[in-house]
């Protein structure tokens, strides 16, 4: 008689499924469809994790992700046809919605109500918000950082005209701060981290949790979406897997991401602790688009432009199919 018990076929099937679920990286699909992404502005970890862990490749997608200085640059590259998609914050999206309707947001991949901060130097005589008066403050105009700076100044009753606003890309801000071209800057995530590293003990940070809410939308062309439903569905599946991976194993997911962004895992962890890395399309994002549209109309960026129905730019069809609970636009 055998010493080993006989395992029923149903149990064998369950064990097989559990073992297969333990495999971290699926083998890539035989045919790989190219998919290029221009990403900028608020740090969006999920696309980078999905590419690094092979989740896009498992869906038959050869993802090429370019991380740019800010969302304005990423959106510009996308509109020029250099990328199949853009992952950017609300302002670059809203600005283009006033003039065109040939793109759609099929999901957001990260959100935060404390992503943007103002970094200044104590050695320049800045220790409180009102010390910004008469100073040169860097900001990339038309981005989430610009919106935050404007709201921060209003809350602290500092007229914009009492300081000099310098239009500068996020990637150039840390060096400009050290060089003395600017005395402070409004930035988020990577640009803030690099500025903090460079400033060391001389840094002073101004922040206002909840003052503004920002999210990064996944933007694709409407014609591209009609012609590439399978690719778009695979991209979302890869992002949803990355979401689960980050939630289950945050430390493992952060190491390659920190290396790519040239920062330490500890600093990256601190930034991401203030984020919600979830694939969704919700009413908060819709309200944020509307708020920033009004801000642009009031500040001359989109003066005289008609109001926008942003529901015409949100396409929840595929995300609703894959994860119905992720969509809440009403």
C-alpha atoms as a PDB file:
ATOM      1  CA  UNK A   1       0.000   0.000   0.000  1.00  0.00           C
ATOM      2  CA  UNK A   2       1.251   3.471  -0.871  1.00  0.00           C
ATOM      3  CA  UNK A   3       2.211   5.712   2.042  1.00  0.00           C
ATOM      4  CA  UNK A   4       1.040   8.813   0.162  1.00  0.00           C
ATOM      5  CA  UNK A   5      -2.635   9.840   0.212  1.00  0.00           C
ATOM      6  CA  UNK A   6      -4.456  10.236  -3.061  1.00  0.00           C
ATOM      7  CA  UNK A   7      -5.270  13.863  -3.823  1.00  0.00           C
ATOM      8  CA  UNK A   8      -8.642  14.387  -5.546  1.00  0.00           C
ATOM      9  CA  UNK A   9      -8.560  16.011  -9.010  1.00  0.00           C
ATOM     10  CA  UNK A  10     -10.414  19.095  -7.731  1.00  0.00           C
ATOM     11  CA  UNK A  11      -7.756  19.605  -5.060  1.00  0.00           C
ATOM     12  CA  UNK A  12      -5.025  19.138  -7.667  1.00  0.00           C
ATOM     13  CA  UNK A  13      -6.648  21.829  -9.776  1.00  0.00           C
ATOM     14  CA  UNK A  14      -6.835  24.247  -6.846  1.00  0.00           C
ATOM     15  CA  UNK A  15      -3.173  23.616  -5.946  1.00  0.00           C
ATOM     16  CA  UNK A  16      -2.174  24.161  -9.563  1.00  0.00           C
ATOM     17  CA  UNK A  17      -4.015  27.462  -9.698  1.00  0.00           C
ATOM     18  CA  UNK A  18      -2.448  28.631  -6.437  1.00  0.00           C
ATOM     19  CA  UNK A  19       1.040  27.749  -7.643  1.00  0.00           C
ATOM     20  CA  UNK A  20       0.523  29.548 -10.913  1.00  0.00           C
ATOM     21  CA  UNK A  21      -0.691  32.619  -9.029  1.00  0.00           C
ATOM     22  CA  UNK A  22       2.636  32.737  -7.188  1.00  0.00           C
ATOM     23  CA  UNK A  23       4.524  33.408 -10.409  1.00  0.00           C
ATOM     24  CA  UNK A  24       5.493  37.087 -10.332  1.00  0.00           C
ATOM     25  CA  UNK A  25       6.216  37.695 -13.995  1.00  0.00           C
ATOM     26  CA  UNK A  26       4.213  35.996 -16.717  1.00  0.00           C
ATOM     27  CA  UNK A  27       6.060  35.095 -19.927  1.00  0.00           C
ATOM     28  CA  UNK A  28       5.502  37.775 -22.573  1.00  0.00           C
ATOM     29  CA  UNK A  29       2.916  37.130 -25.255  1.00  0.00           C
ATOM     30  CA  UNK A  30       4.328  36.025 -28.598  1.00  0.00           C
ATOM     31  CA  UNK A  31       3.206  39.139 -30.478  1.00  0.00           C
ATOM     32  CA  UNK A  32       4.103  42.462 -28.896  1.00  0.00           C
ATOM     33  CA  UNK A  33       2.143  45.564 -29.912  1.00  0.00           C
ATOM     34  CA  UNK A  34       4.209  48.774 -29.501  1.00  0.00           C
ATOM     35  CA  UNK A  35       2.695  51.268 -27.066  1.00  0.00           C
ATOM     36  CA  UNK A  36       4.533  54.491 -26.222  1.00  0.00           C
ATOM     37  CA  UNK A  37       3.701  56.662 -23.229  1.00  0.00           C
ATOM     38  CA  UNK A  38       4.783  60.222 -22.407  1.00  0.00           C
ATOM     39  CA  UNK A  39       4.547  60.734 -18.662  1.00  0.00           C
ATOM     40  CA  UNK A  40       5.138  63.920 -16.681  1.00  0.00           C
ATOM     41  CA  UNK A  41       4.023  65.963 -13.705  1.00  0.00           C
ATOM     42  CA  UNK A  42       2.641  64.102 -10.686  1.00  0.00           C
ATOM     43  CA  UNK A  43       4.576  60.892 -10.088  1.00  0.00           C
ATOM     44  CA  UNK A  44       2.637  57.935 -11.512  1.00  0.00           C
ATOM     45  CA  UNK A  45       4.209  54.680 -10.342  1.00  0.00           C
ATOM     46  CA  UNK A  46       1.742  52.148 -11.751  1.00  0.00           C
ATOM     47  CA  UNK A  47       2.730  52.411 -15.456  1.00  0.00           C
ATOM     48  CA  UNK A  48       6.410  52.077 -14.514  1.00  0.00           C
ATOM     49  CA  UNK A  49       5.724  49.077 -12.276  1.00  0.00           C
ATOM     50  CA  UNK A  50       3.582  47.418 -14.958  1.00  0.00           C
ATOM     51  CA  UNK A  51       6.434  47.792 -17.448  1.00  0.00           C
ATOM     52  CA  UNK A  52       9.137  46.685 -14.990  1.00  0.00           C
ATOM     53  CA  UNK A  53       7.249  43.599 -13.779  1.00  0.00           C
ATOM     54  CA  UNK A  54       6.304  42.467 -17.282  1.00  0.00           C
ATOM     55  CA  UNK A  55       2.574  42.983 -16.849  1.00  0.00           C
ATOM     56  CA  UNK A  56       2.260  44.910 -20.104  1.00  0.00           C
ATOM     57  CA  UNK A  57       4.378  42.333 -21.935  1.00  0.00           C
ATOM     58  CA  UNK A  58       2.117  39.546 -20.648  1.00  0.00           C
ATOM     59  CA  UNK A  59      -0.751  41.366 -22.377  1.00  0.00           C
ATOM     60  CA  UNK A  60       1.167  41.487 -25.663  1.00  0.00           C
ATOM     61  CA  UNK A  61       2.167  45.128 -25.213  1.00  0.00           C
ATOM     62  CA  UNK A  62       5.712  46.443 -25.730  1.00  0.00           C
ATOM     63  CA  UNK A  63       5.492  49.554 -23.558  1.00  0.00           C
ATOM     64  CA  UNK A  64       7.996  52.381 -23.969  1.00  0.00           C
ATOM     65  CA  UNK A  65       7.579  54.974 -21.198  1.00  0.00           C
ATOM     66  CA  UNK A  66       9.303  58.360 -21.400  1.00  0.00           C
ATOM     67  CA  UNK A  67       9.357  60.278 -18.104  1.00  0.00           C
ATOM     68  CA  UNK A  68       9.506  63.986 -18.938  1.00  0.00           C
ATOM     69  CA  UNK A  69      10.013  67.137 -16.887  1.00  0.00           C
ATOM     70  CA  UNK A  70       6.357  68.043 -16.456  1.00  0.00           C
ATOM     71  CA  UNK A  71       2.855  67.281 -17.657  1.00  0.00           C
ATOM     72  CA  UNK A  72       2.843  70.178 -20.102  1.00  0.00           C
ATOM     73  CA  UNK A  73       5.815  68.696 -21.964  1.00  0.00           C
ATOM     74  CA  UNK A  74       4.313  65.192 -21.904  1.00  0.00           C
ATOM     75  CA  UNK A  75       0.971  66.415 -23.258  1.00  0.00           C
ATOM     76  CA  UNK A  76       2.745  68.372 -25.981  1.00  0.00           C
ATOM     77  CA  UNK A  77       4.667  65.297 -27.105  1.00  0.00           C
ATOM     78  CA  UNK A  78       1.460  63.275 -27.155  1.00  0.00           C
ATOM     79  CA  UNK A  79      -0.425  65.855 -29.224  1.00  0.00           C
ATOM     80  CA  UNK A  80       2.494  66.016 -31.661  1.00  0.00           C
ATOM     81  CA  UNK A  81       2.099  62.297 -32.296  1.00  0.00           C
ATOM     82  CA  UNK A  82       5.311  61.268 -30.517  1.00  0.00           C
ATOM     83  CA  UNK A  83       3.430  58.995 -28.082  1.00  0.00           C
ATOM     84  CA  UNK A  84       0.340  56.793 -28.174  1.00  0.00           C
ATOM     85  CA  UNK A  85      -0.711  58.020 -24.730  1.00  0.00           C
ATOM     86  CA  UNK A  86       0.047  60.617 -22.084  1.00  0.00           C
ATOM     87  CA  UNK A  87      -0.046  60.287 -18.305  1.00  0.00           C
ATOM     88  CA  UNK A  88      -0.462  63.837 -17.016  1.00  0.00           C
ATOM     89  CA  UNK A  89      -2.212  65.961 -14.416  1.00  0.00           C
ATOM     90  CA  UNK A  90      -5.362  68.003 -14.965  1.00  0.00           C
ATOM     91  CA  UNK A  91      -4.066  71.409 -16.189  1.00  0.00           C
ATOM     92  CA  UNK A  92      -2.413  70.195 -19.427  1.00  0.00           C
ATOM     93  CA  UNK A  93      -5.563  68.194 -20.163  1.00  0.00           C
ATOM     94  CA  UNK A  94      -7.946  71.047 -19.372  1.00  0.00           C
ATOM     95  CA  UNK A  95      -5.971  73.566 -21.420  1.00  0.00           C
ATOM     96  CA  UNK A  96      -6.335  71.422 -24.544  1.00  0.00           C
ATOM     97  CA  UNK A  97     -10.021  70.654 -23.903  1.00  0.00           C
ATOM     98  CA  UNK A  98     -10.825  74.302 -24.665  1.00  0.00           C
ATOM     99  CA  UNK A  99      -9.532  73.930 -28.225  1.00  0.00           C
ATOM    100  CA  UNK A 100      -9.960  70.296 -29.291  1.00  0.00           C
ATOM    101  CA  UNK A 101     -11.952  67.141 -28.563  1.00  0.00           C
ATOM    102  CA  UNK A 102      -9.951  64.393 -30.262  1.00  0.00           C
ATOM    103  CA  UNK A 103      -8.681  62.685 -27.106  1.00  0.00           C
ATOM    104  CA  UNK A 104     -10.167  60.844 -24.136  1.00  0.00           C
ATOM    105  CA  UNK A 105      -9.166  59.950 -20.572  1.00  0.00           C
ATOM    106  CA  UNK A 106      -9.781  56.242 -19.973  1.00  0.00           C
ATOM    107  CA  UNK A 107      -8.547  56.120 -16.350  1.00  0.00           C
ATOM    108  CA  UNK A 108      -6.588  57.927 -13.686  1.00  0.00           C
ATOM    109  CA  UNK A 109      -3.635  56.064 -12.214  1.00  0.00           C
ATOM    110  CA  UNK A 110      -2.731  58.126  -9.139  1.00  0.00           C
ATOM    111  CA  UNK A 111      -4.167  60.957  -7.068  1.00  0.00           C
ATOM    112  CA  UNK A 112      -3.017  63.069  -4.135  1.00  0.00           C
ATOM    113  CA  UNK A 113      -4.136  66.072  -2.125  1.00  0.00           C
ATOM    114  CA  UNK A 114      -0.591  66.857  -0.965  1.00  0.00           C
ATOM    115  CA  UNK A 115       1.626  66.186  -3.995  1.00  0.00           C
ATOM    116  CA  UNK A 116       2.659  69.778  -4.671  1.00  0.00           C
ATOM    117  CA  UNK A 117       4.793  71.850  -2.317  1.00  0.00           C
ATOM    118  CA  UNK A 118       6.800  75.049  -2.316  1.00  0.00           C
ATOM    119  CA  UNK A 119      10.511  74.627  -1.629  1.00  0.00           C
ATOM    120  CA  UNK A 120      12.580  77.657  -0.595  1.00  0.00           C
ATOM    121  CA  UNK A 121      15.992  78.364   0.953  1.00  0.00           C
ATOM    122  CA  UNK A 122      16.440  79.742   4.457  1.00  0.00           C
ATOM    123  CA  UNK A 123      19.667  81.409   3.340  1.00  0.00           C
ATOM    124  CA  UNK A 124      17.568  83.642   1.079  1.00  0.00           C
ATOM    125  CA  UNK A 125      15.715  84.959   4.126  1.00  0.00           C
ATOM    126  CA  UNK A 126      12.635  82.801   3.643  1.00  0.00           C
ATOM    127  CA  UNK A 127      11.094  81.095   6.677  1.00  0.00           C
ATOM    128  CA  UNK A 128       7.366  81.803   6.308  1.00  0.00           C
ATOM    129  CA  UNK A 129       4.973  82.119   3.351  1.00  0.00           C
ATOM    130  CA  UNK A 130       4.927  85.918   3.517  1.00  0.00           C
ATOM    131  CA  UNK A 131       8.695  85.941   3.024  1.00  0.00           C
ATOM    132  CA  UNK A 132       7.969  84.970  -0.580  1.00  0.00           C
ATOM    133  CA  UNK A 133       6.934  88.575  -1.220  1.00  0.00           C
ATOM    134  CA  UNK A 134       9.526  90.253  -3.426  1.00  0.00           C
ATOM    135  CA  UNK A 135      11.149  86.907  -4.250  1.00  0.00           C
ATOM    136  CA  UNK A 136      11.570  85.021  -7.513  1.00  0.00           C
ATOM    137  CA  UNK A 137       9.422  81.893  -7.441  1.00  0.00           C
ATOM    138  CA  UNK A 138       9.807  79.272 -10.144  1.00  0.00           C
ATOM    139  CA  UNK A 139       6.834  77.394 -11.546  1.00  0.00           C
ATOM    140  CA  UNK A 140       6.019  75.602 -14.774  1.00  0.00           C
ATOM    141  CA  UNK A 141       3.040  77.629 -15.959  1.00  0.00           C
ATOM    142  CA  UNK A 142      -0.072  75.751 -16.953  1.00  0.00           C
ATOM    143  CA  UNK A 143       0.660  72.754 -14.700  1.00  0.00           C
ATOM    144  CA  UNK A 144      -0.638  71.389 -11.399  1.00  0.00           C
ATOM    145  CA  UNK A 145       2.169  73.247  -9.625  1.00  0.00           C
ATOM    146  CA  UNK A 146       1.005  76.555 -11.122  1.00  0.00           C
ATOM    147  CA  UNK A 147      -2.547  75.907  -9.938  1.00  0.00           C
ATOM    148  CA  UNK A 148      -1.309  75.029  -6.440  1.00  0.00           C
ATOM    149  CA  UNK A 149       0.928  78.119  -6.219  1.00  0.00           C
ATOM    150  CA  UNK A 150      -1.971  80.378  -7.158  1.00  0.00           C
ATOM    151  CA  UNK A 151      -4.288  78.807  -4.571  1.00  0.00           C
ATOM    152  CA  UNK A 152      -1.553  78.853  -1.913  1.00  0.00           C
ATOM    153  CA  UNK A 153      -0.924  82.567  -2.436  1.00  0.00           C
ATOM    154  CA  UNK A 154      -4.649  83.322  -2.232  1.00  0.00           C
ATOM    155  CA  UNK A 155      -5.030  81.376   1.014  1.00  0.00           C
ATOM    156  CA  UNK A 156      -2.093  83.259   2.542  1.00  0.00           C
ATOM    157  CA  UNK A 157      -3.397  86.595   1.184  1.00  0.00           C
ATOM    158  CA  UNK A 158      -0.299  87.206  -0.884  1.00  0.00           C
ATOM    159  CA  UNK A 159      -1.062  89.067  -4.148  1.00  0.00           C
ATOM    160  CA  UNK A 160       0.618  87.347  -7.093  1.00  0.00           C
ATOM    161  CA  UNK A 161       1.993  90.664  -8.315  1.00  0.00           C
ATOM    162  CA  UNK A 162       4.058  91.074  -5.119  1.00  0.00           C
ATOM    163  CA  UNK A 163       6.454  88.350  -6.233  1.00  0.00           C
ATOM    164  CA  UNK A 164       8.190  87.516  -9.502  1.00  0.00           C
ATOM    165  CA  UNK A 165       6.889  84.292 -11.045  1.00  0.00           C
ATOM    166  CA  UNK A 166       9.514  82.656 -13.256  1.00  0.00           C
ATOM    167  CA  UNK A 167       8.294  80.138 -15.845  1.00  0.00           C
ATOM    168  CA  UNK A 168      10.690  77.193 -15.698  1.00  0.00           C
ATOM    169  CA  UNK A 169      10.447  73.456 -16.342  1.00  0.00           C
ATOM    170  CA  UNK A 170      10.294  71.126 -13.360  1.00  0.00           C
ATOM    171  CA  UNK A 171      13.517  69.365 -14.286  1.00  0.00           C
ATOM    172  CA  UNK A 172      15.450  72.660 -14.219  1.00  0.00           C
ATOM    173  CA  UNK A 173      14.070  73.914 -10.890  1.00  0.00           C
ATOM    174  CA  UNK A 174      16.532  72.312  -8.427  1.00  0.00           C
ATOM    175  CA  UNK A 175      19.578  73.622 -10.306  1.00  0.00           C
ATOM    176  CA  UNK A 176      18.014  77.061 -10.755  1.00  0.00           C
ATOM    177  CA  UNK A 177      17.352  77.220  -7.011  1.00  0.00           C
ATOM    178  CA  UNK A 178      20.959  76.384  -6.169  1.00  0.00           C
ATOM    179  CA  UNK A 179      22.313  78.752  -8.811  1.00  0.00           C
ATOM    180  CA  UNK A 180      20.266  81.655  -7.463  1.00  0.00           C
ATOM    181  CA  UNK A 181      18.113  82.186 -10.539  1.00  0.00           C
ATOM    182  CA  UNK A 182      15.085  81.636  -8.301  1.00  0.00           C
ATOM    183  CA  UNK A 183      14.590  81.824  -4.519  1.00  0.00           C
ATOM    184  CA  UNK A 184      11.865  79.178  -4.298  1.00  0.00           C
ATOM    185  CA  UNK A 185       9.797  76.944  -6.544  1.00  0.00           C
ATOM    186  CA  UNK A 186       6.481  75.148  -6.613  1.00  0.00           C
ATOM    187  CA  UNK A 187       6.953  71.533  -7.626  1.00  0.00           C
ATOM    188  CA  UNK A 188       5.758  68.029  -6.982  1.00  0.00           C
ATOM    189  CA  UNK A 189       7.196  64.602  -6.407  1.00  0.00           C
ATOM    190  CA  UNK A 190      10.475  64.118  -8.314  1.00  0.00           C
ATOM    191  CA  UNK A 191      11.324  67.805  -8.792  1.00  0.00           C
ATOM    192  CA  UNK A 192      10.591  68.480  -5.123  1.00  0.00           C
ATOM    193  CA  UNK A 193      12.692  65.486  -4.038  1.00  0.00           C
ATOM    194  CA  UNK A 194      15.675  66.535  -6.144  1.00  0.00           C
ATOM    195  CA  UNK A 195      15.407  70.104  -4.865  1.00  0.00           C
ATOM    196  CA  UNK A 196      15.250  68.854  -1.287  1.00  0.00           C
ATOM    197  CA  UNK A 197      18.332  66.691  -1.832  1.00  0.00           C
ATOM    198  CA  UNK A 198      20.273  69.625  -3.261  1.00  0.00           C
ATOM    199  CA  UNK A 199      19.189  72.112  -0.575  1.00  0.00           C
ATOM    200  CA  UNK A 200      19.830  69.864   2.421  1.00  0.00           C
ATOM    201  CA  UNK A 201      19.467  71.619   5.778  1.00  0.00           C
ATOM    202  CA  UNK A 202      18.963  74.963   4.002  1.00  0.00           C
ATOM    203  CA  UNK A 203      15.558  73.824   2.711  1.00  0.00           C
ATOM    204  CA  UNK A 204      12.236  75.097   3.982  1.00  0.00           C
ATOM    205  CA  UNK A 205       8.997  73.576   2.714  1.00  0.00           C
ATOM    206  CA  UNK A 206       5.535  75.112   2.548  1.00  0.00           C
ATOM    207  CA  UNK A 207       2.646  72.747   2.034  1.00  0.00           C
ATOM    208  CA  UNK A 208      -1.115  72.756   2.468  1.00  0.00           C
ATOM    209  CA  UNK A 209      -2.671  69.303   2.532  1.00  0.00           C
ATOM    210  CA  UNK A 210      -6.126  69.313   0.948  1.00  0.00           C
ATOM    211  CA  UNK A 211      -5.781  72.757  -0.660  1.00  0.00           C
ATOM    212  CA  UNK A 212      -5.832  71.187  -4.120  1.00  0.00           C
ATOM    213  CA  UNK A 213      -6.413  67.658  -5.396  1.00  0.00           C
ATOM    214  CA  UNK A 214      -4.454  66.341  -8.331  1.00  0.00           C
ATOM    215  CA  UNK A 215      -4.638  63.151 -10.362  1.00  0.00           C
ATOM    216  CA  UNK A 216      -2.786  61.780 -13.374  1.00  0.00           C
ATOM    217  CA  UNK A 217      -5.036  60.805 -16.244  1.00  0.00           C
ATOM    218  CA  UNK A 218      -4.277  58.214 -18.924  1.00  0.00           C
ATOM    219  CA  UNK A 219      -4.986  60.107 -22.147  1.00  0.00           C
ATOM    220  CA  UNK A 220      -5.319  58.495 -25.588  1.00  0.00           C
ATOM    221  CA  UNK A 221      -6.565  59.687 -28.966  1.00  0.00           C
ATOM    222  CA  UNK A 222     -10.199  58.858 -29.704  1.00  0.00           C
ATOM    223  CA  UNK A 223      -9.331  57.468 -33.145  1.00  0.00           C
ATOM    224  CA  UNK A 224      -6.519  55.412 -31.634  1.00  0.00           C
ATOM    225  CA  UNK A 225      -8.903  54.060 -29.000  1.00  0.00           C
ATOM    226  CA  UNK A 226     -11.482  53.033 -31.612  1.00  0.00           C
ATOM    227  CA  UNK A 227      -8.802  51.193 -33.597  1.00  0.00           C
ATOM    228  CA  UNK A 228      -6.968  49.644 -30.615  1.00  0.00           C
ATOM    229  CA  UNK A 229      -9.583  48.440 -28.152  1.00  0.00           C
ATOM    230  CA  UNK A 230      -7.595  45.280 -27.416  1.00  0.00           C
ATOM    231  CA  UNK A 231      -4.396  47.193 -26.667  1.00  0.00           C
ATOM    232  CA  UNK A 232      -6.209  49.682 -24.443  1.00  0.00           C
ATOM    233  CA  UNK A 233      -7.873  46.831 -22.561  1.00  0.00           C
ATOM    234  CA  UNK A 234      -4.489  45.134 -22.101  1.00  0.00           C
ATOM    235  CA  UNK A 235      -2.935  48.372 -20.836  1.00  0.00           C
ATOM    236  CA  UNK A 236      -5.654  48.701 -18.199  1.00  0.00           C
ATOM    237  CA  UNK A 237      -5.264  45.068 -17.178  1.00  0.00           C
ATOM    238  CA  UNK A 238      -1.523  45.618 -16.754  1.00  0.00           C
ATOM    239  CA  UNK A 239      -2.145  48.724 -14.645  1.00  0.00           C
ATOM    240  CA  UNK A 240      -4.642  46.888 -12.442  1.00  0.00           C
ATOM    241  CA  UNK A 241      -2.065  44.139 -11.840  1.00  0.00           C
ATOM    242  CA  UNK A 242       0.509  46.808 -10.934  1.00  0.00           C
ATOM    243  CA  UNK A 243      -1.990  48.298  -8.487  1.00  0.00           C
ATOM    244  CA  UNK A 244      -2.385  44.937  -6.759  1.00  0.00           C
ATOM    245  CA  UNK A 245       1.383  44.337  -6.752  1.00  0.00           C
ATOM    246  CA  UNK A 246       2.129  47.710  -5.162  1.00  0.00           C
ATOM    247  CA  UNK A 247      -0.530  47.155  -2.501  1.00  0.00           C
ATOM    248  CA  UNK A 248       0.741  43.662  -1.670  1.00  0.00           C
ATOM    249  CA  UNK A 249       4.516  44.188  -1.963  1.00  0.00           C
ATOM    250  CA  UNK A 250       5.293  47.934  -1.763  1.00  0.00           C
ATOM    251  CA  UNK A 251       8.961  47.543  -0.820  1.00  0.00           C
ATOM    252  CA  UNK A 252       9.707  45.193  -3.728  1.00  0.00           C
ATOM    253  CA  UNK A 253       7.900  47.446  -6.214  1.00  0.00           C
ATOM    254  CA  UNK A 254       9.686  50.600  -5.038  1.00  0.00           C
ATOM    255  CA  UNK A 255      13.316  49.483  -5.495  1.00  0.00           C
ATOM    256  CA  UNK A 256      13.481  49.480  -9.335  1.00  0.00           C
ATOM    257  CA  UNK A 257      11.291  52.584  -9.428  1.00  0.00           C
ATOM    258  CA  UNK A 258      13.653  54.501  -7.150  1.00  0.00           C
ATOM    259  CA  UNK A 259      16.596  53.475  -9.313  1.00  0.00           C
ATOM    260  CA  UNK A 260      14.904  54.731 -12.466  1.00  0.00           C
ATOM    261  CA  UNK A 261      13.955  58.046 -10.867  1.00  0.00           C
ATOM    262  CA  UNK A 262      17.457  58.413  -9.349  1.00  0.00           C
ATOM    263  CA  UNK A 263      16.268  58.802  -5.775  1.00  0.00           C
ATOM    264  CA  UNK A 264      16.380  56.667  -2.647  1.00  0.00           C
ATOM    265  CA  UNK A 265      13.647  54.128  -1.842  1.00  0.00           C
ATOM    266  CA  UNK A 266      13.068  55.892   1.498  1.00  0.00           C
ATOM    267  CA  UNK A 267      12.442  59.281  -0.128  1.00  0.00           C
ATOM    268  CA  UNK A 268      10.247  57.743  -2.804  1.00  0.00           C
ATOM    269  CA  UNK A 269       8.283  55.901  -0.143  1.00  0.00           C
ATOM    270  CA  UNK A 270       7.659  59.201   1.670  1.00  0.00           C
ATOM    271  CA  UNK A 271       6.253  60.758  -1.519  1.00  0.00           C
ATOM    272  CA  UNK A 272       4.077  57.778  -2.348  1.00  0.00           C
ATOM    273  CA  UNK A 273       2.723  57.631   1.209  1.00  0.00           C
ATOM    274  CA  UNK A 274       0.792  60.781   0.304  1.00  0.00           C
ATOM    275  CA  UNK A 275      -0.623  59.232  -2.863  1.00  0.00           C
ATOM    276  CA  UNK A 276      -3.490  56.937  -3.808  1.00  0.00           C
ATOM    277  CA  UNK A 277      -2.043  54.598  -6.442  1.00  0.00           C
ATOM    278  CA  UNK A 278      -5.340  53.261  -7.731  1.00  0.00           C
ATOM    279  CA  UNK A 279      -6.726  52.820 -11.244  1.00  0.00           C
ATOM    280  CA  UNK A 280     -10.032  54.644 -11.247  1.00  0.00           C
ATOM    281  CA  UNK A 281     -12.205  57.251 -12.935  1.00  0.00           C
ATOM    282  CA  UNK A 282     -14.223  59.104 -10.357  1.00  0.00           C
ATOM    283  CA  UNK A 283     -16.299  62.170  -9.588  1.00  0.00           C
ATOM    284  CA  UNK A 284     -13.457  63.850  -7.678  1.00  0.00           C
ATOM    285  CA  UNK A 285     -11.379  63.889 -10.856  1.00  0.00           C
ATOM    286  CA  UNK A 286     -14.317  65.346 -12.790  1.00  0.00           C
ATOM    287  CA  UNK A 287     -14.728  68.122 -10.199  1.00  0.00           C
ATOM    288  CA  UNK A 288     -10.998  68.851 -10.312  1.00  0.00           C
ATOM    289  CA  UNK A 289     -11.141  69.269 -14.097  1.00  0.00           C
ATOM    290  CA  UNK A 290     -14.028  71.713 -13.699  1.00  0.00           C
ATOM    291  CA  UNK A 291     -12.241  73.683 -10.938  1.00  0.00           C
ATOM    292  CA  UNK A 292      -9.128  74.122 -13.015  1.00  0.00           C
ATOM    293  CA  UNK A 293     -11.120  75.103 -16.090  1.00  0.00           C
ATOM    294  CA  UNK A 294     -12.691  77.937 -14.080  1.00  0.00           C
ATOM    295  CA  UNK A 295      -9.250  78.942 -12.804  1.00  0.00           C
ATOM    296  CA  UNK A 296      -7.942  79.175 -16.380  1.00  0.00           C
ATOM    297  CA  UNK A 297     -10.944  81.241 -17.475  1.00  0.00           C
ATOM    298  CA  UNK A 298     -10.540  83.622 -14.545  1.00  0.00           C
ATOM    299  CA  UNK A 299      -6.766  84.040 -14.991  1.00  0.00           C
ATOM    300  CA  UNK A 300      -6.687  84.754 -18.702  1.00  0.00           C
ATOM    301  CA  UNK A 301      -5.299  81.384 -19.788  1.00  0.00           C
ATOM    302  CA  UNK A 302      -8.620  80.544 -21.418  1.00  0.00           C
ATOM    303  CA  UNK A 303     -10.313  83.942 -21.320  1.00  0.00           C
ATOM    304  CA  UNK A 304     -13.491  84.081 -23.389  1.00  0.00           C
ATOM    305  CA  UNK A 305     -13.563  80.313 -23.934  1.00  0.00           C
ATOM    306  CA  UNK A 306     -16.912  78.550 -23.406  1.00  0.00           C
ATOM    307  CA  UNK A 307     -17.454  76.155 -20.513  1.00  0.00           C
ATOM    308  CA  UNK A 308     -16.607  72.502 -21.082  1.00  0.00           C
ATOM    309  CA  UNK A 309     -18.632  69.365 -20.453  1.00  0.00           C
ATOM    310  CA  UNK A 310     -15.789  67.104 -19.343  1.00  0.00           C
ATOM    311  CA  UNK A 311     -17.979  64.019 -19.515  1.00  0.00           C
ATOM    312  CA  UNK A 312     -17.383  64.231 -23.269  1.00  0.00           C
ATOM    313  CA  UNK A 313     -13.674  63.620 -22.586  1.00  0.00           C
ATOM    314  CA  UNK A 314     -14.026  60.753 -20.092  1.00  0.00           C
ATOM    315  CA  UNK A 315     -14.456  57.258 -21.519  1.00  0.00           C
ATOM    316  CA  UNK A 316     -15.045  54.728 -18.717  1.00  0.00           C
ATOM    317  CA  UNK A 317     -16.172  51.907 -21.030  1.00  0.00           C
ATOM    318  CA  UNK A 318     -13.168  49.593 -20.754  1.00  0.00           C
ATOM    319  CA  UNK A 319     -12.431  50.255 -17.083  1.00  0.00           C
ATOM    320  CA  UNK A 320     -16.098  49.599 -16.232  1.00  0.00           C
ATOM    321  CA  UNK A 321     -15.785  46.279 -18.004  1.00  0.00           C
ATOM    322  CA  UNK A 322     -12.614  45.254 -16.170  1.00  0.00           C
ATOM    323  CA  UNK A 323     -13.341  46.694 -12.726  1.00  0.00           C
ATOM    324  CA  UNK A 324     -16.870  48.146 -12.442  1.00  0.00           C
ATOM    325  CA  UNK A 325     -16.309  49.512  -8.938  1.00  0.00           C
ATOM    326  CA  UNK A 326     -13.456  51.712 -10.181  1.00  0.00           C
ATOM    327  CA  UNK A 327     -15.823  54.042 -12.052  1.00  0.00           C
ATOM    328  CA  UNK A 328     -18.018  56.549 -10.206  1.00  0.00           C
ATOM    329  CA  UNK A 329     -18.747  59.650 -12.263  1.00  0.00           C
ATOM    330  CA  UNK A 330     -22.207  60.455 -10.948  1.00  0.00           C
END
